[in-house]
Amino acid sequence: MEIYHIPEANKVRMLRKLALYWDGQWFLQSVQKFGLEEAIELNALVRTAFGRIEMRTMLKAVGKKEADDLPDALRMIATHADLLLGPGIKADYQMGDGTARILVRRCAVFEGAKRANLPRQDQACVTCETLWDAWIQMLLPEDNVTVQYPMRQGKGDPVCEFIVEQVP
């Protein structure tokens, strides 16, 4: 049987949307079955586990066993975010000496959480707090790196801010 031809750009857009819809539906069904607080906790556990898979997959795609350093790790995270969310994420990465500051101005996951109209809209933020640690740990397994979250859109801040710091 002949299949429909779908241009590559349309396939990418479609897969990005489906990934977000899948995630959103999984979360909403978890809320319905277990309640909001339990669903937030479960979502963070599952997303963190999947985050490890994401970075193992990124490392394999670029032919590395681990990131070269913190800037390289952030480059992989930015590449992954672009691959998964495309224009659904708008972030600025600022590197200093052993420290990075990431400002997320647009997050499709948080926007989806708002549309769900649940009593809490910070479920995406709760997940990020464990996700970034998992990503960094997979990419820089021998390094001591901390991630801080001084601002989060889900807590009413205008942007999400992540401070990633290598600790000697």
C-alpha atoms as a PDB file:
ATOM      1  CA  MET A   1       0.000   0.000   0.000  1.00  0.00           C
ATOM      2  CA  GLU A   2       1.250   3.439  -0.861  1.00  0.00           C
ATOM      3  CA  ILE A   3       1.563   5.718   2.160  1.00  0.00           C
ATOM      4  CA  TYR A   4       0.893   9.437   2.183  1.00  0.00           C
ATOM      5  CA  HIS A   5       3.823  11.694   1.555  1.00  0.00           C
ATOM      6  CA  ILE A   6       4.247  14.107   4.448  1.00  0.00           C
ATOM      7  CA  PRO A   7       7.042  16.670   4.121  1.00  0.00           C
ATOM      8  CA  GLU A   8       9.807  16.266   6.719  1.00  0.00           C
ATOM      9  CA  ALA A   9       9.077  19.650   8.334  1.00  0.00           C
ATOM     10  CA  ASN A  10       5.425  18.650   8.795  1.00  0.00           C
ATOM     11  CA  LYS A  11       6.492  15.325  10.321  1.00  0.00           C
ATOM     12  CA  VAL A  12       8.691  17.107  12.850  1.00  0.00           C
ATOM     13  CA  ARG A  13       5.902  19.529  13.827  1.00  0.00           C
ATOM     14  CA  MET A  14       3.444  16.669  14.099  1.00  0.00           C
ATOM     15  CA  LEU A  15       5.742  14.533  16.271  1.00  0.00           C
ATOM     16  CA  ARG A  16       6.495  17.490  18.570  1.00  0.00           C
ATOM     17  CA  LYS A  17       2.783  18.103  19.081  1.00  0.00           C
ATOM     18  CA  LEU A  18       2.070  14.420  19.614  1.00  0.00           C
ATOM     19  CA  ALA A  19       4.842  14.175  22.231  1.00  0.00           C
ATOM     20  CA  LEU A  20       3.321  17.089  24.158  1.00  0.00           C
ATOM     21  CA  TYR A  21      -0.225  15.764  23.776  1.00  0.00           C
ATOM     22  CA  TRP A  22       0.893  12.308  24.951  1.00  0.00           C
ATOM     23  CA  ASP A  23       2.579  13.829  27.994  1.00  0.00           C
ATOM     24  CA  GLY A  24      -0.409  16.029  28.770  1.00  0.00           C
ATOM     25  CA  GLN A  25      -2.923  13.235  28.452  1.00  0.00           C
ATOM     26  CA  TRP A  26      -0.793  10.923  30.575  1.00  0.00           C
ATOM     27  CA  PHE A  27      -0.667  13.582  33.280  1.00  0.00           C
ATOM     28  CA  LEU A  28      -4.378  14.418  33.139  1.00  0.00           C
ATOM     29  CA  GLN A  29      -5.352  10.741  33.337  1.00  0.00           C
ATOM     30  CA  SER A  30      -2.985  10.346  36.313  1.00  0.00           C
ATOM     31  CA  VAL A  31      -4.686  13.297  38.009  1.00  0.00           C
ATOM     32  CA  GLN A  32      -8.078  11.708  37.398  1.00  0.00           C
ATOM     33  CA  LYS A  33      -6.987   8.331  38.765  1.00  0.00           C
ATOM     34  CA  PHE A  34      -4.666   9.338  41.634  1.00  0.00           C
ATOM     35  CA  GLY A  35      -5.388  12.993  42.439  1.00  0.00           C
ATOM     36  CA  LEU A  36      -3.353  16.097  41.638  1.00  0.00           C
ATOM     37  CA  GLU A  37      -0.618  15.850  44.272  1.00  0.00           C
ATOM     38  CA  GLU A  38       0.103  12.189  43.595  1.00  0.00           C
ATOM     39  CA  ALA A  39       0.046  12.784  39.842  1.00  0.00           C
ATOM     40  CA  ILE A  40       2.575  15.625  40.183  1.00  0.00           C
ATOM     41  CA  GLU A  41       4.880  13.354  42.193  1.00  0.00           C
ATOM     42  CA  LEU A  42       4.476  10.452  39.754  1.00  0.00           C
ATOM     43  CA  ASN A  43       4.985  12.747  36.760  1.00  0.00           C
ATOM     44  CA  ALA A  44       8.271  14.020  38.203  1.00  0.00           C
ATOM     45  CA  LEU A  45       9.496  10.446  38.750  1.00  0.00           C
ATOM     46  CA  VAL A  46       8.576   9.321  35.240  1.00  0.00           C
ATOM     47  CA  ARG A  47       9.894  12.481  33.554  1.00  0.00           C
ATOM     48  CA  THR A  48      13.198  12.211  35.413  1.00  0.00           C
ATOM     49  CA  ALA A  49      13.615   8.579  34.357  1.00  0.00           C
ATOM     50  CA  PHE A  50      12.808   9.532  30.780  1.00  0.00           C
ATOM     51  CA  GLY A  51      15.257  12.464  31.029  1.00  0.00           C
ATOM     52  CA  ARG A  52      18.080   9.975  31.584  1.00  0.00           C
ATOM     53  CA  ILE A  53      16.989   8.127  28.446  1.00  0.00           C
ATOM     54  CA  GLU A  54      16.887  11.423  26.513  1.00  0.00           C
ATOM     55  CA  MET A  55      20.470  12.307  27.380  1.00  0.00           C
ATOM     56  CA  ARG A  56      21.771   8.771  26.758  1.00  0.00           C
ATOM     57  CA  THR A  57      20.112   9.039  23.341  1.00  0.00           C
ATOM     58  CA  MET A  58      21.667  12.489  22.748  1.00  0.00           C
ATOM     59  CA  LEU A  59      25.114  11.201  23.682  1.00  0.00           C
ATOM     60  CA  LYS A  60      24.729   8.279  21.310  1.00  0.00           C
ATOM     61  CA  ALA A  61      23.496  10.581  18.512  1.00  0.00           C
ATOM     62  CA  VAL A  62      26.588  12.781  18.784  1.00  0.00           C
ATOM     63  CA  GLY A  63      28.950   9.824  19.285  1.00  0.00           C
ATOM     64  CA  LYS A  64      30.059  10.541  22.849  1.00  0.00           C
ATOM     65  CA  LYS A  65      30.082   8.675  26.151  1.00  0.00           C
ATOM     66  CA  GLU A  66      29.682  11.909  28.124  1.00  0.00           C
ATOM     67  CA  ALA A  67      29.803  15.650  27.587  1.00  0.00           C
ATOM     68  CA  ASP A  68      33.230  17.269  27.323  1.00  0.00           C
ATOM     69  CA  ASP A  69      32.413  19.941  29.904  1.00  0.00           C
ATOM     70  CA  LEU A  70      29.562  22.098  31.186  1.00  0.00           C
ATOM     71  CA  PRO A  71      29.230  24.181  27.984  1.00  0.00           C
ATOM     72  CA  ASP A  72      29.070  20.960  25.947  1.00  0.00           C
ATOM     73  CA  ALA A  73      26.434  19.507  28.298  1.00  0.00           C
ATOM     74  CA  LEU A  74      24.314  22.634  27.919  1.00  0.00           C
ATOM     75  CA  ARG A  75      24.761  22.493  24.158  1.00  0.00           C
ATOM     76  CA  MET A  76      23.314  18.970  24.217  1.00  0.00           C
ATOM     77  CA  ILE A  77      20.408  20.073  26.424  1.00  0.00           C
ATOM     78  CA  ALA A  78      19.694  23.017  24.105  1.00  0.00           C
ATOM     79  CA  THR A  79      19.871  20.723  21.075  1.00  0.00           C
ATOM     80  CA  HIS A  80      17.486  18.279  22.710  1.00  0.00           C
ATOM     81  CA  ALA A  81      15.066  21.069  23.679  1.00  0.00           C
ATOM     82  CA  ASP A  82      15.094  22.348  20.108  1.00  0.00           C
ATOM     83  CA  LEU A  83      14.531  18.846  18.745  1.00  0.00           C
ATOM     84  CA  LEU A  84      11.660  18.085  21.123  1.00  0.00           C
ATOM     85  CA  LEU A  85       9.952  21.488  21.391  1.00  0.00           C
ATOM     86  CA  GLY A  86      11.256  23.597  18.502  1.00  0.00           C
ATOM     87  CA  PRO A  87       9.562  27.001  18.686  1.00  0.00           C
ATOM     88  CA  GLY A  88       7.723  25.813  21.825  1.00  0.00           C
ATOM     89  CA  ILE A  89      10.810  26.734  23.840  1.00  0.00           C
ATOM     90  CA  LYS A  90      12.574  30.063  23.911  1.00  0.00           C
ATOM     91  CA  ALA A  91      15.650  30.043  26.132  1.00  0.00           C
ATOM     92  CA  ASP A  92      18.842  32.042  26.514  1.00  0.00           C
ATOM     93  CA  TYR A  93      21.987  30.228  27.642  1.00  0.00           C
ATOM     94  CA  GLN A  94      24.660  32.377  29.273  1.00  0.00           C
ATOM     95  CA  MET A  95      27.971  30.728  30.162  1.00  0.00           C
ATOM     96  CA  GLY A  96      30.412  32.041  32.714  1.00  0.00           C
ATOM     97  CA  ASP A  97      33.427  30.440  34.353  1.00  0.00           C
ATOM     98  CA  GLY A  98      32.009  27.132  35.628  1.00  0.00           C
ATOM     99  CA  THR A  99      28.534  28.640  35.912  1.00  0.00           C
ATOM    100  CA  ALA A 100      25.673  28.899  33.473  1.00  0.00           C
ATOM    101  CA  ARG A 101      22.435  30.849  33.632  1.00  0.00           C
ATOM    102  CA  ILE A 102      19.514  29.698  31.535  1.00  0.00           C
ATOM    103  CA  LEU A 103      16.470  31.938  31.131  1.00  0.00           C
ATOM    104  CA  VAL A 104      13.398  30.258  29.680  1.00  0.00           C
ATOM    105  CA  ARG A 105      11.036  32.841  28.270  1.00  0.00           C
ATOM    106  CA  ARG A 106       8.597  30.419  26.632  1.00  0.00           C
ATOM    107  CA  CYS A 107       7.859  26.854  27.675  1.00  0.00           C
ATOM    108  CA  ALA A 108       5.240  24.847  25.799  1.00  0.00           C
ATOM    109  CA  VAL A 109       4.998  22.410  28.701  1.00  0.00           C
ATOM    110  CA  PHE A 110       4.107  25.182  31.166  1.00  0.00           C
ATOM    111  CA  GLU A 111       1.677  26.687  28.649  1.00  0.00           C
ATOM    112  CA  GLY A 112      -0.031  23.295  28.396  1.00  0.00           C
ATOM    113  CA  ALA A 113      -0.209  23.076  32.180  1.00  0.00           C
ATOM    114  CA  LYS A 114      -1.979  26.451  32.280  1.00  0.00           C
ATOM    115  CA  ARG A 115      -4.504  25.296  29.669  1.00  0.00           C
ATOM    116  CA  ALA A 116      -5.349  22.254  31.815  1.00  0.00           C
ATOM    117  CA  ASN A 117      -6.888  24.724  34.303  1.00  0.00           C
ATOM    118  CA  LEU A 118      -5.982  22.650  37.359  1.00  0.00           C
ATOM    119  CA  PRO A 119      -5.744  24.128  40.873  1.00  0.00           C
ATOM    120  CA  ARG A 120      -1.935  24.163  40.497  1.00  0.00           C
ATOM    121  CA  GLN A 121      -0.049  25.209  37.390  1.00  0.00           C
ATOM    122  CA  ASP A 122       3.454  24.452  38.600  1.00  0.00           C
ATOM    123  CA  GLN A 123       3.499  20.729  37.774  1.00  0.00           C
ATOM    124  CA  ALA A 124       5.915  21.363  34.890  1.00  0.00           C
ATOM    125  CA  CYS A 125       8.166  23.306  37.285  1.00  0.00           C
ATOM    126  CA  VAL A 126       8.179  20.473  39.829  1.00  0.00           C
ATOM    127  CA  THR A 127       9.279  18.144  37.047  1.00  0.00           C
ATOM    128  CA  CYS A 128      12.054  20.492  35.868  1.00  0.00           C
ATOM    129  CA  GLU A 129      13.545  20.500  39.336  1.00  0.00           C
ATOM    130  CA  THR A 130      14.361  16.807  39.032  1.00  0.00           C
ATOM    131  CA  LEU A 131      14.803  16.701  35.259  1.00  0.00           C
ATOM    132  CA  TRP A 132      17.734  19.122  35.038  1.00  0.00           C
ATOM    133  CA  ASP A 133      19.630  17.189  37.715  1.00  0.00           C
ATOM    134  CA  ALA A 134      19.080  13.933  35.795  1.00  0.00           C
ATOM    135  CA  TRP A 135      20.212  15.489  32.506  1.00  0.00           C
ATOM    136  CA  ILE A 136      23.387  16.925  34.034  1.00  0.00           C
ATOM    137  CA  GLN A 137      24.166  13.698  35.895  1.00  0.00           C
ATOM    138  CA  MET A 138      23.905  11.688  32.663  1.00  0.00           C
ATOM    139  CA  LEU A 139      26.016  14.143  30.694  1.00  0.00           C
ATOM    140  CA  LEU A 140      28.676  14.857  33.347  1.00  0.00           C
ATOM    141  CA  PRO A 141      28.683  11.764  35.577  1.00  0.00           C
ATOM    142  CA  GLU A 142      32.064  12.516  37.189  1.00  0.00           C
ATOM    143  CA  ASP A 143      31.428  16.210  37.873  1.00  0.00           C
ATOM    144  CA  ASN A 144      29.866  17.801  40.914  1.00  0.00           C
ATOM    145  CA  VAL A 145      27.247  20.109  39.424  1.00  0.00           C
ATOM    146  CA  THR A 146      24.387  21.859  41.187  1.00  0.00           C
ATOM    147  CA  VAL A 147      21.233  23.267  39.642  1.00  0.00           C
ATOM    148  CA  GLN A 148      19.264  26.051  41.314  1.00  0.00           C
ATOM    149  CA  TYR A 149      15.828  27.339  40.313  1.00  0.00           C
ATOM    150  CA  PRO A 150      15.466  30.931  41.559  1.00  0.00           C
ATOM    151  CA  MET A 151      12.579  31.784  39.212  1.00  0.00           C
ATOM    152  CA  ARG A 152       9.780  29.700  37.716  1.00  0.00           C
ATOM    153  CA  GLN A 153       6.874  30.736  35.556  1.00  0.00           C
ATOM    154  CA  GLY A 154       4.650  28.254  37.358  1.00  0.00           C
ATOM    155  CA  LYS A 155       5.305  30.176  40.577  1.00  0.00           C
ATOM    156  CA  GLY A 156       4.323  33.489  38.970  1.00  0.00           C
ATOM    157  CA  ASP A 157       7.736  34.653  37.777  1.00  0.00           C
ATOM    158  CA  PRO A 158       8.054  36.203  34.305  1.00  0.00           C
ATOM    159  CA  VAL A 159      10.683  33.618  33.268  1.00  0.00           C
ATOM    160  CA  CYS A 160      12.169  30.383  34.480  1.00  0.00           C
ATOM    161  CA  GLU A 161      15.765  30.742  35.586  1.00  0.00           C
ATOM    162  CA  PHE A 162      18.208  27.884  36.075  1.00  0.00           C
ATOM    163  CA  ILE A 163      21.657  28.401  37.580  1.00  0.00           C
ATOM    164  CA  VAL A 164      23.944  25.490  36.746  1.00  0.00           C
ATOM    165  CA  GLU A 165      27.239  25.524  38.612  1.00  0.00           C
ATOM    166  CA  GLN A 166      30.232  23.224  38.726  1.00  0.00           C
ATOM    167  CA  VAL A 167      31.369  22.807  42.296  1.00  0.00           C
ATOM    168  CA  PRO A 168      35.091  22.081  42.756  1.00  0.00           C
END
